[in-house]
């Protein structure tokens, strides 16, 4: 009896434990482990949302809590592709879970024998955006969303979409449209009319002010007025158009109303474009961060602009012209202010013509047409560079602000060396070898072999003057070379800077203490002793120091003194 009572008590205890475990498992605090960093969205439309994405081959991450299936807000799907040809108006849900986040979303329509019987309609596209109102993604790709049966007009004898007769007023108010949140919209393989209709299906959230529109590989595109149906209130940061063989006009409200803030890129158009006075005014009336134009458009800009406008990064694309040398025939009314200039022409191994201009001719042309140029990139081979093992180039007296010259197809990067505006950096223990003239022959030989002088003969800057003192003092702290050499290695300045051909010197410690506005600016400063122009920054290509064998060597390299 005693044993039976014990068994009964154990059974009762186990029953209570099982009841407690069952009740706890129903609690949200004891559901299967869920990453607390993941946000899940509850919605009455979860089931149809999951079914919608399964049609395109995706299973969205979910969790089940208290009997409810919820979707992860951030799906962690890197490149989501929605095949609209797999849906109809009947199978596209009216509502789906809103606020989902993707890395990128591609909407595409692939023509098959089946889809030919049910062509894409604007209604289907609009229904998709309505169902997923508030969709978040880094990039939205609209690929081959061709809507058949739209009116077509003509532009200079060429067929276009119906947008020449487009009444943009009906697109001015879009408050009732669904919104998407994205930084980038890329449009591919679409006509003017199809772009017009698709972009009129949604609003883009402009709160971040970073939206860019990219049109790629659109041979049916004839004008940019198709973008007028989009009309974002805050404008866009980037408008980029590439590989549009039949584009005839760039007229659009985004450009004419200065709603493209930072970047306008126009490449591989392969035909003569029309530039209206309104577009000319739009291009030349603002400061661009990046501007990429075909040569023929740039020629119109240069010939018809009386005042200089500022471009941080200008690319002149000569890929589609018959003769790259036409760049030399442009008559500029005003020099344009450009910080970085890129010239692109086809390489010699293509059927398109290239240029036989020398590097001197190219740099002379740039100097005569532009101001403030700090960097030049030549996207073609320069014959003078072949076989010349150098990383330094001297362009004085041209292009006084130029810092580097790049070629993506040849020599990489050349640093610009300006003898009259550079500092010679000498290690204190190597100063006497320089001042005595011991390194003169080496300096001449190295300069001739490692610095490419574009204008005039080879020059050897900073040879010691015959009257130079052998133990000068820093013009700031008044310590002499001997004083510096008497210090221990930790206290000794690494370099002494020779400011001018007269040999006036300051230690790097004192140079760092000079007012910051004297360094890293575009203005030439003067030696405090003789008023000779000196370097504009702490960068140089000339250094003298002892090697591991305690032998002083003159070296040409690009050195940033910190």
Foldseek 3Di string as FASTA:
>chain_A
DVVVVVVVVVVVVVVVVVVVVVVVCLDQVNDPDDDPVWDWDFDPAAVLQQVQLVLQPDGFDWDAHNNGITGTQERAPAEAERALLSDDPVSQDQAHDENHEYAEYEYEYDDDPVCVVPAADLVSLLSNLNRHFRYEYAEYEYEHNEDPDFDWDDDPRHIAGPCVVPDLVVLPDLVVAGEYEYQEYEYEQYGLNSLLSNLLSYAYDCPVQRHEYEYEHHQRYAEPQSCSSNCHPQAHAYYEYEQHQRHAEDDYPSQLVVRHPAYYADYNNLDDHDQDPSNLCSVQVAEYAEYEEEQNVVLVNQQPDQDAHHYAAYEHEPANDQDPCCLLVRDGNDAYEYAEYEYEYDEPVDPGDDDPDAPLVVQVSNQVRHANYAEYEYAYDHVVCVPQPAQEEEEPPGHLNHAWYAYPPPDGIHGYAYQQAEKAWEFLLCLLCQQVQVCVVVQQVCQQRHYHYSDDDGDRHQRADPPADNWFAAPPPRHTSVNLVPDPPVPRAGTWIQWHNNRHIHGPVVVVVDPPVQAPDSDFFADPPPGRTYHRHQWHQWYWYADPVRDIHIGGDTDHDD
